[in-house]
Amino acid sequence: MARHKALGARVWAALAAVYVIWGSTYLGMDVAVETVPPALMLGVRFLVAGALLYAWARRRTDERPTARHWASAAVIGALLLTVGTGGVAWAVERVDTGLVALIVGSVPLWLALLDRVFYGARLSSLAVAGLAVGFVGIALLAGPGGGGWPALVPVFGSLAWAAGSLWSRAAPQVRAPLLAAAMQMIAGGALLMVISAATGELADVHAPSARSAAALVYLVLAGSFVGYTSYIWLLGVAPTALVGTYAYVNPVVAVVLGALFLGERLTVLTAVAGFVVVASVALIVSAKPVAAPARAAAMPARAK
């Protein structure tokens, strides 16, 4: 009984970290990219955080990652970090951080849809209604009256994040969640550095401002070291629906911080569309699960 209570406390502590810290990373990225190009900023962020976490995690386990484990980490890191978070970093230079956060809040919609299409999960009528309503909200946010075409980038990034999150459940990874998270950050960060070099960012690098440097340090320590590892750990111990609740807390935090520190104004259309997306996520998360078909009920176990 005590063990279950302890696990419950750890789950809620990790959720609180994901709720608040990830909500603040939109502001952090907006400040960081003022003087540091987005791909380079994220590459440094994830490589540093990943290396620190890898060194710490290896001291706590005798596992030795294989080439197969690193291949899985590269795929997950590419989907979640390179495409998912990379899309956010690119978008905050062009779209208000609050609007980007509202779009990223659609991740549970993609999770539910992909879980149904590829893993045979059955959706209740309430969840189907949530999906329909949610995608209308996304269309409004990314439409001409919202963020316009630049907002489509975080939409695609949200889809990639959901795909990577679901695939990670059955991917051949190391057993230690923190070691797996470190490997994903290293792989995703390395790919971002390649993208930075290929797009000419490295040629335009200048000394970052104190604001950008401080924001980058915050993103490394809080956003990646604490927030991302908490998320990866939660995926392994908590229901997907519960983990997905971060998606309707983060936008609220991001919108408030954007208004307070960046002077962002929330338009009526964005507010209505954002409410629609958050409400649809709430419908999906609160919907009672429907038993999956027998052929799809069993998920492959994570490789040892």
Protein backbone atom coordinates (compact mmCIF):
# COMPACT_ATOMS: atom_id res chain seq x y z
CA MET A 1 0.00 0.00 0.00
CA ALA A 2 2.79 2.41 0.93
CA ARG A 3 4.56 1.62 -2.34
CA HIS A 4 1.43 2.49 -4.35
CA LYS A 5 1.01 5.75 -2.43
CA ALA A 6 4.66 6.63 -3.06
CA LEU A 7 4.28 5.90 -6.78
CA GLY A 8 1.14 8.04 -6.86
CA ALA A 9 2.98 10.94 -5.25
CA ARG A 10 5.83 10.60 -7.75
CA VAL A 11 3.40 10.53 -10.67
CA TRP A 12 1.70 13.73 -9.55
CA ALA A 13 5.04 15.43 -8.87
CA ALA A 14 6.20 14.52 -12.38
CA LEU A 15 2.90 15.72 -13.85
CA ALA A 16 3.23 19.04 -11.99
CA ALA A 17 6.71 19.47 -13.46
CA VAL A 18 5.46 18.78 -16.97
CA TYR A 19 2.44 21.05 -16.45
CA VAL A 20 4.33 24.13 -15.28
CA ILE A 21 7.81 23.77 -16.74
CA TRP A 22 6.70 22.85 -20.24
CA GLY A 23 4.18 25.67 -20.19
CA SER A 24 7.06 28.07 -19.54
CA THR A 25 9.35 26.68 -22.25
CA TYR A 26 7.44 28.55 -24.97
CA LEU A 27 8.52 31.81 -23.36
CA GLY A 28 12.01 30.40 -22.88
CA MET A 29 12.36 29.44 -26.54
CA ASP A 30 11.02 32.79 -27.71
CA VAL A 31 13.69 34.59 -25.67
CA ALA A 32 16.46 32.12 -26.60
CA VAL A 33 15.92 32.48 -30.37
CA GLU A 34 16.28 36.26 -30.13
CA THR A 35 20.03 35.83 -30.70
CA VAL A 36 20.50 32.05 -31.17
CA PRO A 37 19.12 30.33 -34.32
CA PRO A 38 16.36 27.80 -33.49
CA ALA A 39 17.96 24.53 -34.67
CA LEU A 40 21.29 25.45 -33.06
CA MET A 41 19.57 26.49 -29.85
CA LEU A 42 17.72 23.19 -29.58
CA GLY A 43 20.75 21.16 -30.66
CA VAL A 44 22.84 22.66 -27.86
CA ARG A 45 19.93 22.31 -25.42
CA PHE A 46 19.37 18.62 -26.03
CA LEU A 47 23.01 17.60 -26.44
CA VAL A 48 24.03 19.24 -23.16
CA ALA A 49 20.99 18.00 -21.23
CA GLY A 50 21.29 14.54 -22.79
CA ALA A 51 25.00 14.20 -22.02
CA LEU A 52 24.48 15.26 -18.39
CA LEU A 53 21.56 12.90 -17.93
CA TYR A 54 23.35 10.04 -19.70
CA ALA A 55 26.36 10.31 -17.39
CA TRP A 56 24.10 10.41 -14.33
CA ALA A 57 21.84 7.56 -15.50
CA ARG A 58 24.72 5.26 -16.40
CA ARG A 59 25.99 5.52 -12.83
CA ARG A 60 22.62 4.24 -11.59
CA THR A 61 22.36 1.20 -13.86
CA ASP A 62 24.58 -1.51 -15.28
CA GLU A 63 22.71 -1.56 -18.60
CA ARG A 64 24.79 -1.18 -21.73
CA PRO A 65 22.84 0.28 -24.66
CA THR A 66 23.13 -1.70 -27.88
CA ALA A 67 23.06 -0.47 -31.46
CA ARG A 68 19.40 -1.48 -31.58
CA HIS A 69 18.65 0.69 -28.54
CA TRP A 70 20.44 3.65 -30.11
CA ALA A 71 18.50 3.17 -33.36
CA SER A 72 15.22 3.34 -31.45
CA ALA A 73 16.43 6.40 -29.55
CA ALA A 74 17.28 8.08 -32.85
CA VAL A 75 13.79 7.49 -34.25
CA ILE A 76 12.03 8.67 -31.07
CA GLY A 77 14.38 11.63 -30.66
CA ALA A 78 13.83 12.65 -34.27
CA LEU A 79 10.04 12.55 -33.96
CA LEU A 80 9.67 14.13 -30.51
CA LEU A 81 12.58 16.55 -30.40
CA THR A 82 13.84 17.30 -33.90
CA VAL A 83 10.43 17.54 -35.58
CA GLY A 84 8.14 18.12 -32.60
CA THR A 85 10.06 20.62 -30.52
CA GLY A 86 11.95 21.88 -33.57
CA GLY A 87 8.65 22.94 -35.11
CA VAL A 88 7.80 24.89 -31.97
CA ALA A 89 11.15 26.69 -31.91
CA TRP A 90 10.74 27.66 -35.56
CA ALA A 91 7.16 28.83 -35.03
CA VAL A 92 7.70 31.06 -31.97
CA GLU A 93 9.76 33.40 -34.15
CA ARG A 94 6.71 33.93 -36.37
CA VAL A 95 3.61 33.22 -34.24
CA ASP A 96 2.64 34.24 -30.69
CA THR A 97 3.83 31.72 -28.10
CA GLY A 98 0.33 31.37 -26.66
CA LEU A 99 -1.13 30.39 -30.02
CA VAL A 100 1.69 27.90 -30.62
CA ALA A 101 1.03 26.37 -27.20
CA LEU A 102 -2.66 26.01 -28.00
CA ILE A 103 -1.78 24.17 -31.22
CA VAL A 104 0.64 21.88 -29.39
CA GLY A 105 -2.19 21.24 -26.94
CA SER A 106 -3.74 19.14 -29.71
CA VAL A 107 -1.26 16.30 -29.10
CA PRO A 108 -3.88 14.15 -27.27
CA LEU A 109 -6.11 14.42 -30.34
CA TRP A 110 -3.35 12.94 -32.49
CA LEU A 111 -2.57 10.37 -29.79
CA ALA A 112 -6.18 9.16 -29.78
CA LEU A 113 -6.41 9.10 -33.58
CA LEU A 114 -3.10 7.29 -34.15
CA ASP A 115 -3.82 4.87 -31.29
CA ARG A 116 -7.05 3.96 -33.07
CA VAL A 117 -5.57 3.68 -36.56
CA PHE A 118 -2.34 1.83 -35.79
CA TYR A 119 -2.94 0.03 -32.48
CA GLY A 120 -6.62 -0.84 -32.73
CA ALA A 121 -7.75 1.22 -29.74
CA ARG A 122 -11.53 1.63 -29.63
CA LEU A 123 -12.88 5.15 -29.19
CA SER A 124 -16.07 5.95 -27.33
CA SER A 125 -18.64 8.24 -28.90
CA LEU A 126 -17.48 10.99 -26.51
CA ALA A 127 -13.88 10.61 -27.71
CA VAL A 128 -14.98 10.68 -31.36
CA ALA A 129 -16.90 13.89 -30.65
CA GLY A 130 -13.79 15.31 -28.98
CA LEU A 131 -11.70 14.50 -32.05
CA ALA A 132 -14.17 16.14 -34.42
CA VAL A 133 -14.46 19.29 -32.32
CA GLY A 134 -10.72 19.45 -31.67
CA PHE A 135 -9.70 19.36 -35.30
CA VAL A 136 -12.12 22.19 -36.03
CA GLY A 137 -10.30 24.20 -33.36
CA ILE A 138 -6.92 23.38 -34.91
CA ALA A 139 -8.20 24.53 -38.32
CA LEU A 140 -9.24 27.84 -36.79
CA LEU A 141 -5.89 28.32 -35.04
CA ALA A 142 -3.92 27.58 -38.20
CA GLY A 143 -6.29 29.44 -40.52
CA PRO A 144 -6.00 32.97 -41.96
CA GLY A 145 -7.53 34.54 -38.85
CA GLY A 146 -5.17 32.63 -36.58
CA GLY A 147 -1.50 31.96 -37.12
CA GLY A 148 -1.72 31.36 -40.87
CA TRP A 149 0.58 28.97 -42.70
CA PRO A 150 3.47 29.20 -40.16
CA ALA A 151 1.09 27.65 -37.63
CA LEU A 152 0.95 24.50 -39.76
CA VAL A 153 4.53 23.70 -38.71
CA PRO A 154 3.67 23.08 -35.03
CA VAL A 155 0.55 21.20 -36.21
CA PHE A 156 2.82 18.77 -38.06
CA GLY A 157 5.19 18.77 -35.10
CA SER A 158 2.34 17.76 -32.79
CA LEU A 159 1.51 14.85 -35.08
CA ALA A 160 5.17 13.76 -35.01
CA TRP A 161 5.28 14.04 -31.20
CA ALA A 162 2.18 11.86 -30.85
CA ALA A 163 3.58 9.27 -33.27
CA GLY A 164 6.88 9.11 -31.41
CA SER A 165 5.17 8.87 -28.03
CA LEU A 166 3.01 5.93 -29.12
CA TRP A 167 5.81 4.13 -30.93
CA SER A 168 8.05 4.45 -27.87
CA ARG A 169 5.71 2.17 -25.90
CA ALA A 170 6.76 -0.87 -27.93
CA ALA A 171 10.17 0.25 -29.24
CA PRO A 172 13.28 -1.74 -28.22
CA GLN A 173 14.66 0.59 -25.58
CA VAL A 174 16.80 0.20 -22.48
CA ARG A 175 14.80 -0.58 -19.35
CA ALA A 176 15.90 2.52 -17.43
CA PRO A 177 13.57 5.38 -18.49
CA LEU A 178 16.07 8.13 -17.68
CA LEU A 179 18.81 6.45 -19.69
CA ALA A 180 16.36 6.09 -22.60
CA ALA A 181 15.45 9.79 -22.34
CA ALA A 182 19.13 10.77 -22.35
CA MET A 183 19.77 8.71 -25.47
CA GLN A 184 16.79 10.30 -27.22
CA MET A 185 18.03 13.81 -26.36
CA ILE A 186 21.53 13.04 -27.60
CA ALA A 187 20.21 11.58 -30.86
CA GLY A 188 17.67 14.36 -31.40
CA GLY A 189 20.21 17.04 -30.51
CA ALA A 190 22.79 15.61 -32.91
CA LEU A 191 20.27 15.63 -35.75
CA LEU A 192 19.35 19.24 -34.95
CA MET A 193 23.03 20.22 -35.13
CA VAL A 194 23.24 18.60 -38.56
CA ILE A 195 20.18 20.58 -39.65
CA SER A 196 21.70 23.77 -38.21
CA ALA A 197 24.88 23.27 -40.20
CA ALA A 198 23.03 22.29 -43.38
CA THR A 199 20.79 25.38 -43.26
CA GLY A 200 23.67 27.79 -42.70
CA GLU A 201 22.82 28.72 -39.12
CA LEU A 202 26.37 28.12 -37.92
CA ALA A 203 27.68 30.72 -40.34
CA ASP A 204 25.44 33.38 -38.80
CA VAL A 205 26.23 32.69 -35.14
CA HIS A 206 27.16 35.65 -32.98
CA ALA A 207 27.63 36.02 -29.24
CA PRO A 208 24.20 35.45 -27.62
CA SER A 209 22.67 38.12 -25.44
CA ALA A 210 22.50 37.60 -21.69
CA ARG A 211 18.73 37.08 -22.01
CA SER A 212 19.10 34.38 -24.63
CA ALA A 213 21.91 32.65 -22.74
CA ALA A 214 19.88 32.61 -19.51
CA ALA A 215 16.85 31.26 -21.38
CA LEU A 216 18.96 28.51 -22.94
CA VAL A 217 20.32 27.48 -19.53
CA TYR A 218 16.74 27.33 -18.22
CA LEU A 219 15.66 25.21 -21.18
CA VAL A 220 18.55 22.79 -20.63
CA LEU A 221 18.11 22.35 -16.88
CA ALA A 222 14.35 22.74 -16.40
CA GLY A 223 12.80 22.10 -19.80
CA SER A 224 14.92 19.09 -20.79
CA PHE A 225 16.61 17.69 -17.70
CA VAL A 226 13.50 17.88 -15.51
CA GLY A 227 10.52 18.27 -17.85
CA TYR A 228 11.42 15.83 -20.63
CA THR A 229 12.70 13.11 -18.32
CA SER A 230 9.52 13.43 -16.25
CA TYR A 231 7.45 12.98 -19.42
CA ILE A 232 9.41 9.91 -20.55
CA TRP A 233 9.13 8.37 -17.08
CA LEU A 234 5.37 9.02 -17.01
CA LEU A 235 4.90 7.27 -20.36
CA GLY A 236 6.19 4.09 -18.76
CA VAL A 237 4.26 4.16 -15.46
CA ALA A 238 1.06 6.17 -16.01
CA PRO A 239 -1.93 5.81 -18.36
CA THR A 240 -1.49 7.62 -21.68
CA ALA A 241 -4.71 9.57 -21.07
CA LEU A 242 -3.39 10.89 -17.76
CA VAL A 243 -0.04 11.86 -19.28
CA GLY A 244 -1.91 13.66 -22.05
CA THR A 245 -3.57 16.02 -19.58
CA TYR A 246 -0.48 18.23 -19.70
CA ALA A 247 -1.73 19.40 -23.08
CA TYR A 248 -4.55 21.48 -21.64
CA VAL A 249 -2.52 22.92 -18.79
CA ASN A 250 0.55 24.00 -20.78
CA PRO A 251 -1.38 26.40 -23.06
CA VAL A 252 -2.85 28.25 -20.09
CA VAL A 253 0.61 28.73 -18.58
CA ALA A 254 2.06 29.78 -21.96
CA VAL A 255 -0.73 32.26 -22.70
CA VAL A 256 -0.39 33.91 -19.28
CA LEU A 257 3.41 34.16 -19.51
CA GLY A 258 3.23 35.44 -23.10
CA ALA A 259 0.85 38.20 -22.02
CA LEU A 260 2.90 39.14 -18.96
CA PHE A 261 6.41 39.10 -20.44
CA LEU A 262 6.00 39.41 -24.20
CA GLY A 263 2.98 41.68 -24.43
CA GLU A 264 1.06 39.17 -26.53
CA ARG A 265 -2.64 39.86 -27.04
CA LEU A 266 -5.18 37.07 -27.18
CA THR A 267 -7.64 37.71 -30.03
CA VAL A 268 -11.26 36.60 -29.82
CA LEU A 269 -10.76 34.02 -32.58
CA THR A 270 -7.69 32.55 -30.90
CA ALA A 271 -9.46 32.46 -27.54
CA VAL A 272 -12.50 30.69 -28.99
CA ALA A 273 -10.41 28.24 -31.04
CA GLY A 274 -8.15 27.59 -28.07
CA PHE A 275 -11.15 26.89 -25.85
CA VAL A 276 -12.48 24.47 -28.47
CA VAL A 277 -9.17 22.57 -28.59
CA VAL A 278 -8.80 22.43 -24.79
CA ALA A 279 -12.44 21.34 -24.40
CA SER A 280 -11.97 18.59 -26.99
CA VAL A 281 -8.88 17.34 -25.18
CA ALA A 282 -10.88 17.25 -21.95
CA LEU A 283 -13.56 15.19 -23.70
CA ILE A 284 -11.01 12.69 -24.96
CA VAL A 285 -9.19 12.38 -21.65
CA SER A 286 -12.42 12.01 -19.66
CA ALA A 287 -13.99 9.50 -22.08
CA LYS A 288 -14.23 5.98 -20.71
CA PRO A 289 -12.00 3.55 -22.60
CA VAL A 290 -13.65 0.98 -24.86
CA ALA A 291 -12.26 -2.54 -24.95
CA ALA A 292 -10.01 -3.08 -27.95
CA PRO A 293 -10.53 -5.95 -30.40
CA ALA A 294 -8.89 -9.18 -29.29
CA ARG A 295 -6.34 -9.09 -32.11
CA ALA A 296 -5.12 -5.67 -30.99
CA ALA A 297 -5.55 -5.92 -27.24
CA ALA A 298 -2.00 -6.99 -26.42
CA MET A 299 0.79 -4.49 -26.83
CA PRO A 300 4.31 -5.83 -27.44
CA ALA A 301 6.47 -5.63 -24.33
CA ARG A 302 9.40 -3.25 -24.26
CA ALA A 303 12.60 -5.03 -25.22
CA LYS A 304 14.88 -5.90 -22.33
